[in-house]
Amino acid sequence: MSKLSGKVAVVTGGNSGIGLAAAKAFVAEGARVVIVGRRAPAVEAAVAELGAAAHGVVGDVGDLSTHERVASEIAARFGAIDIYMANAGMNNIEPSPAVTPASYDAQFATNTRAVFFGVTRALPLMREGASIILTGSIASAKVLENHAVYAGTKAAIGAFARNWALELKARRIRVNVLSPGPTDTPILEKLGVSEADRPAFEQGMASAIPLGRLAKADELARAALFLAGDDSRFITGMDLRVDGGIALN
């Protein structure tokens, strides 16, 4: 039997990168998946790629009304949630003196506030024994240049996970953090790494990673699948670093 047969999963930021890879892994193991993303064309393309088991909701996770719509649509279509992966995020790489209030607020709105209220709005729909996965970052534990605000947003969700793991124990809902290291996804372009600069960027990153390369999105998806299903049924409150060992340096 498939690992997630009959399960309902929600993946925010599920239209690209790690989120899309996780959604594919969940569908392949029998889950029905709701992906949430800001850009309608990207969400529609992802749903088409995922197939009949997928449903898309277009909305900005920083807007709390998006979480209300997600919950309402899931209640109407599926009735309950078994897996909630809060994956949507953003990162403005800039030195602290250059950070504007707008940049600060935008990162905390997407990476932290949206996670808190997305999860708490979904909780009434979560079945006993559900799994919550929060996409973190090695930046929460390892100092990366010009990542102070981003690191703060991700450190906060680690605190959420530890608190929720105890708050939700009576319902046997597990809460874990999945922290990627440098990963080969479209976010590299958003961070300003051009196609021409990619080889030098990847070589530079690889030299800092004990396993000698960037992660692939499907490798993070396999870790998400582990946290989503019964293979991790005795794990909660953990930060699983899938980083090739870079946090060791």
Protein backbone atom coordinates (compact mmCIF):
# COMPACT_ATOMS: atom_id res chain seq x y z
CA MET A 1 0.00 0.00 0.00
CA SER A 2 1.18 3.54 -0.74
CA LYS A 3 2.56 5.41 2.26
CA LEU A 4 0.02 8.26 2.12
CA SER A 5 -2.99 6.46 0.68
CA GLY A 6 -6.19 8.30 1.56
CA LYS A 7 -4.35 11.24 3.13
CA VAL A 8 -5.02 14.92 2.42
CA ALA A 9 -1.97 17.21 2.30
CA VAL A 10 -1.60 20.99 2.09
CA VAL A 11 1.63 22.51 0.75
CA THR A 12 2.03 26.27 0.77
CA GLY A 13 4.45 27.51 -1.87
CA GLY A 14 3.66 24.24 -3.63
CA ASN A 15 3.91 25.57 -7.17
CA SER A 16 7.72 25.45 -7.49
CA GLY A 17 10.98 24.30 -5.96
CA ILE A 18 10.93 22.24 -2.78
CA GLY A 19 7.18 22.69 -2.34
CA LEU A 20 6.36 21.30 -5.78
CA ALA A 21 8.81 18.43 -5.33
CA ALA A 22 7.17 17.57 -1.99
CA ALA A 23 3.71 17.76 -3.55
CA LYS A 24 4.85 15.33 -6.27
CA ALA A 25 6.21 12.93 -3.64
CA PHE A 26 2.96 13.08 -1.68
CA VAL A 27 0.83 12.45 -4.78
CA ALA A 28 3.07 9.56 -5.83
CA GLU A 29 2.40 7.95 -2.45
CA GLY A 30 -1.37 8.25 -2.74
CA ALA A 31 -2.20 11.60 -1.15
CA ARG A 32 -4.58 14.23 -2.44
CA VAL A 33 -2.72 17.53 -2.35
CA VAL A 34 -3.80 21.15 -2.10
CA ILE A 35 -1.09 23.56 -3.18
CA VAL A 36 -1.16 27.26 -2.34
CA GLY A 37 0.72 29.90 -4.30
CA ARG A 38 0.59 33.58 -5.22
CA ARG A 39 0.81 33.38 -9.01
CA ALA A 40 -2.18 31.87 -10.78
CA PRO A 41 -0.29 30.70 -13.91
CA ALA A 42 2.32 28.92 -11.77
CA VAL A 43 -0.32 27.28 -9.58
CA GLU A 44 -2.31 26.16 -12.62
CA ALA A 45 0.81 24.73 -14.28
CA ALA A 46 1.75 22.86 -11.10
CA VAL A 47 -1.75 21.40 -10.71
CA ALA A 48 -1.65 20.25 -14.34
CA GLU A 49 1.71 18.58 -13.69
CA LEU A 50 0.52 16.94 -10.48
CA GLY A 51 -2.66 15.58 -12.03
CA ALA A 52 -6.14 14.77 -10.83
CA ALA A 53 -5.09 14.31 -7.20
CA ALA A 54 -4.12 17.99 -6.93
CA HIS A 55 -6.10 21.15 -6.28
CA GLY A 56 -4.75 24.70 -6.32
CA VAL A 57 -5.58 27.78 -4.29
CA VAL A 58 -4.21 31.12 -5.45
CA GLY A 59 -3.39 33.57 -2.71
CA ASP A 60 -0.67 35.36 -0.75
CA VAL A 61 0.03 33.47 2.49
CA GLY A 62 0.90 36.81 4.07
CA ASP A 63 -2.79 37.72 3.72
CA LEU A 64 -4.71 35.92 6.46
CA SER A 65 -7.80 35.69 4.25
CA THR A 66 -5.86 33.19 2.10
CA HIS A 67 -5.75 30.77 5.03
CA GLU A 68 -9.48 31.19 5.57
CA ARG A 69 -10.11 30.28 1.92
CA VAL A 70 -7.77 27.30 2.08
CA ALA A 71 -9.55 25.97 5.15
CA SER A 72 -12.99 26.54 3.66
CA GLU A 73 -12.11 24.79 0.40
CA ILE A 74 -10.57 21.83 2.18
CA ALA A 75 -13.56 21.50 4.48
CA ALA A 76 -15.88 21.47 1.47
CA ARG A 77 -13.80 19.16 -0.76
CA PHE A 78 -12.08 16.78 1.64
CA GLY A 79 -13.37 17.37 5.15
CA ALA A 80 -10.03 17.06 6.92
CA ILE A 81 -6.24 17.51 6.73
CA ASP A 82 -3.60 14.87 7.47
CA ILE A 83 -0.43 16.74 6.43
CA TYR A 84 0.25 20.47 6.52
CA MET A 85 3.54 21.65 5.03
CA ALA A 86 4.16 25.36 5.61
CA ASN A 87 6.75 25.86 2.90
CA ALA A 88 6.16 29.28 1.33
CA GLY A 89 8.96 31.72 2.06
CA MET A 90 11.04 34.66 0.90
CA ASN A 91 14.54 35.99 1.54
CA ASN A 92 15.94 39.45 0.97
CA ILE A 93 19.71 39.15 1.26
CA GLU A 94 20.96 42.48 2.59
CA PRO A 95 23.20 43.81 5.36
CA SER A 96 21.31 44.81 8.49
CA PRO A 97 21.87 48.58 8.11
CA ALA A 98 20.24 48.40 4.67
CA VAL A 99 17.09 46.58 5.85
CA THR A 100 14.01 48.76 5.56
CA PRO A 101 10.91 48.33 7.70
CA ALA A 102 9.08 47.21 4.55
CA SER A 103 11.64 44.47 3.85
CA TYR A 104 11.64 43.36 7.47
CA ASP A 105 7.85 43.23 7.63
CA ALA A 106 7.54 41.39 4.32
CA GLN A 107 9.90 38.62 5.40
CA PHE A 108 8.25 38.14 8.77
CA ALA A 109 4.78 38.28 7.20
CA THR A 110 5.57 35.46 4.76
CA ASN A 111 8.03 33.34 6.72
CA THR A 112 6.65 33.62 10.24
CA ARG A 113 3.22 35.22 10.59
CA ALA A 114 1.82 33.19 7.69
CA VAL A 115 3.15 29.97 9.20
CA PHE A 116 1.63 30.69 12.60
CA PHE A 117 -1.82 31.62 11.35
CA GLY A 118 -1.81 29.08 8.51
CA VAL A 119 -1.24 26.27 10.98
CA THR A 120 -3.62 27.55 13.64
CA ARG A 121 -6.39 28.05 11.06
CA ALA A 122 -5.85 24.52 9.75
CA LEU A 123 -5.80 22.89 13.20
CA PRO A 124 -9.59 22.44 13.54
CA LEU A 125 -9.48 20.37 10.34
CA MET A 126 -6.50 18.22 11.27
CA ARG A 127 -7.16 14.60 12.05
CA GLU A 128 -5.71 12.94 15.13
CA GLY A 129 -2.20 11.80 14.30
CA ALA A 130 -1.67 14.45 11.61
CA SER A 131 1.77 15.74 10.66
CA ILE A 132 2.83 19.39 10.47
CA ILE A 133 6.04 20.18 8.59
CA LEU A 134 7.55 23.67 8.76
CA THR A 135 10.20 24.51 6.19
CA GLY A 136 13.02 26.13 8.09
CA SER A 137 16.60 26.93 7.11
CA ILE A 138 20.12 26.24 8.26
CA ALA A 139 20.32 30.04 8.61
CA SER A 140 18.48 29.70 11.92
CA ALA A 141 21.55 27.98 13.41
CA LYS A 142 24.45 28.92 11.12
CA VAL A 143 25.38 32.55 10.54
CA LEU A 144 25.16 33.38 6.83
CA GLU A 145 26.28 36.75 5.53
CA ASN A 146 23.48 39.31 5.16
CA HIS A 147 20.80 36.89 6.38
CA ALA A 148 19.98 38.39 9.78
CA VAL A 149 16.27 39.05 9.20
CA TYR A 150 15.70 35.81 7.30
CA ALA A 151 17.49 33.89 10.05
CA GLY A 152 15.22 35.49 12.63
CA THR A 153 12.10 34.45 10.75
CA LYS A 154 13.27 30.86 10.57
CA ALA A 155 14.42 30.72 14.18
CA ALA A 156 10.92 31.75 15.19
CA ILE A 157 9.27 28.83 13.42
CA GLY A 158 11.62 26.46 15.21
CA ALA A 159 10.17 27.83 18.45
CA PHE A 160 6.66 27.36 17.07
CA ALA A 161 7.41 23.72 16.28
CA ARG A 162 8.74 22.92 19.73
CA ASN A 163 5.78 24.58 21.45
CA TRP A 164 3.19 23.01 19.15
CA ALA A 165 4.74 19.56 19.56
CA LEU A 166 3.72 19.77 23.24
CA GLU A 167 0.49 21.72 22.79
CA LEU A 168 -0.85 19.16 20.31
CA LYS A 169 0.38 15.98 21.97
CA ALA A 170 -3.11 15.01 23.18
CA ARG A 171 -4.21 14.81 19.54
CA ARG A 172 -1.01 12.95 18.58
CA ILE A 173 -0.23 15.65 16.01
CA ARG A 174 3.48 15.68 15.26
CA VAL A 175 5.27 18.93 14.43
CA ASN A 176 8.74 19.02 12.86
CA VAL A 177 10.99 21.43 10.99
CA LEU A 178 12.66 20.56 7.69
CA SER A 179 15.74 22.77 7.23
CA PRO A 180 17.29 22.76 3.76
CA GLY A 181 20.81 23.77 2.98
CA PRO A 182 21.68 25.32 -0.41
CA THR A 183 19.31 23.71 -2.90
CA ASP A 184 19.14 23.84 -6.68
CA THR A 185 15.72 25.47 -7.18
CA PRO A 186 14.33 28.49 -9.07
CA ILE A 187 14.86 30.61 -5.94
CA LEU A 188 18.51 30.99 -6.97
CA GLU A 189 17.40 33.20 -9.86
CA LYS A 190 15.18 35.22 -7.51
CA LEU A 191 18.23 35.79 -5.33
CA GLY A 192 20.05 37.28 -8.30
CA VAL A 193 22.15 34.31 -9.46
CA SER A 194 22.14 34.56 -13.27
CA GLU A 195 22.51 31.57 -15.56
CA ALA A 196 25.99 32.78 -16.48
CA ASP A 197 26.98 33.01 -12.81
CA ARG A 198 25.56 29.64 -11.79
CA PRO A 199 28.68 27.49 -12.38
CA ALA A 200 30.84 29.78 -10.23
CA PHE A 201 28.11 30.06 -7.60
CA GLU A 202 27.62 26.31 -7.42
CA GLN A 203 31.36 25.68 -7.26
CA GLY A 204 31.73 28.17 -4.45
CA MET A 205 28.84 26.67 -2.50
CA ALA A 206 30.03 23.11 -3.11
CA SER A 207 33.40 23.92 -1.57
CA ALA A 208 31.62 24.82 1.69
CA ILE A 209 29.41 21.70 1.73
CA PRO A 210 31.00 18.51 3.06
CA LEU A 211 29.06 16.39 0.53
CA GLY A 212 30.41 18.60 -2.24
CA ARG A 213 27.29 19.81 -4.05
CA LEU A 214 23.95 21.58 -3.76
CA ALA A 215 20.91 19.55 -2.77
CA LYS A 216 18.29 18.58 -5.33
CA ALA A 217 14.67 19.49 -4.64
CA ASP A 218 13.65 15.83 -4.75
CA GLU A 219 16.09 15.08 -1.92
CA LEU A 220 14.25 17.57 0.27
CA ALA A 221 10.97 16.05 -0.92
CA ARG A 222 12.06 12.61 0.29
CA ALA A 223 12.79 14.07 3.71
CA ALA A 224 9.36 15.77 3.71
CA LEU A 225 7.76 12.44 2.80
CA PHE A 226 9.56 10.82 5.74
CA LEU A 227 8.19 13.46 8.13
CA ALA A 228 4.71 13.27 6.60
CA GLY A 229 4.17 9.54 6.98
CA ASP A 230 4.34 6.72 9.48
CA ASP A 231 8.08 6.20 8.99
CA SER A 232 8.53 9.11 11.42
CA ARG A 233 5.60 8.27 13.69
CA PHE A 234 7.76 8.54 16.85
CA ILE A 235 9.42 11.84 15.90
CA THR A 236 8.15 15.26 16.96
CA GLY A 237 9.72 18.61 17.78
CA MET A 238 12.76 17.83 15.61
CA ASP A 239 14.70 20.03 13.19
CA LEU A 240 15.78 17.77 10.34
CA ARG A 241 18.69 19.42 8.53
CA VAL A 242 19.03 18.26 4.93
CA ASP A 243 22.08 20.34 4.18
CA GLY A 244 24.94 18.10 3.05
CA GLY A 245 26.67 18.92 6.32
CA ILE A 246 27.18 22.64 5.67
CA ALA A 247 25.97 23.55 9.16
CA LEU A 248 29.01 21.71 10.53
CA ASN A 249 31.43 24.24 9.08
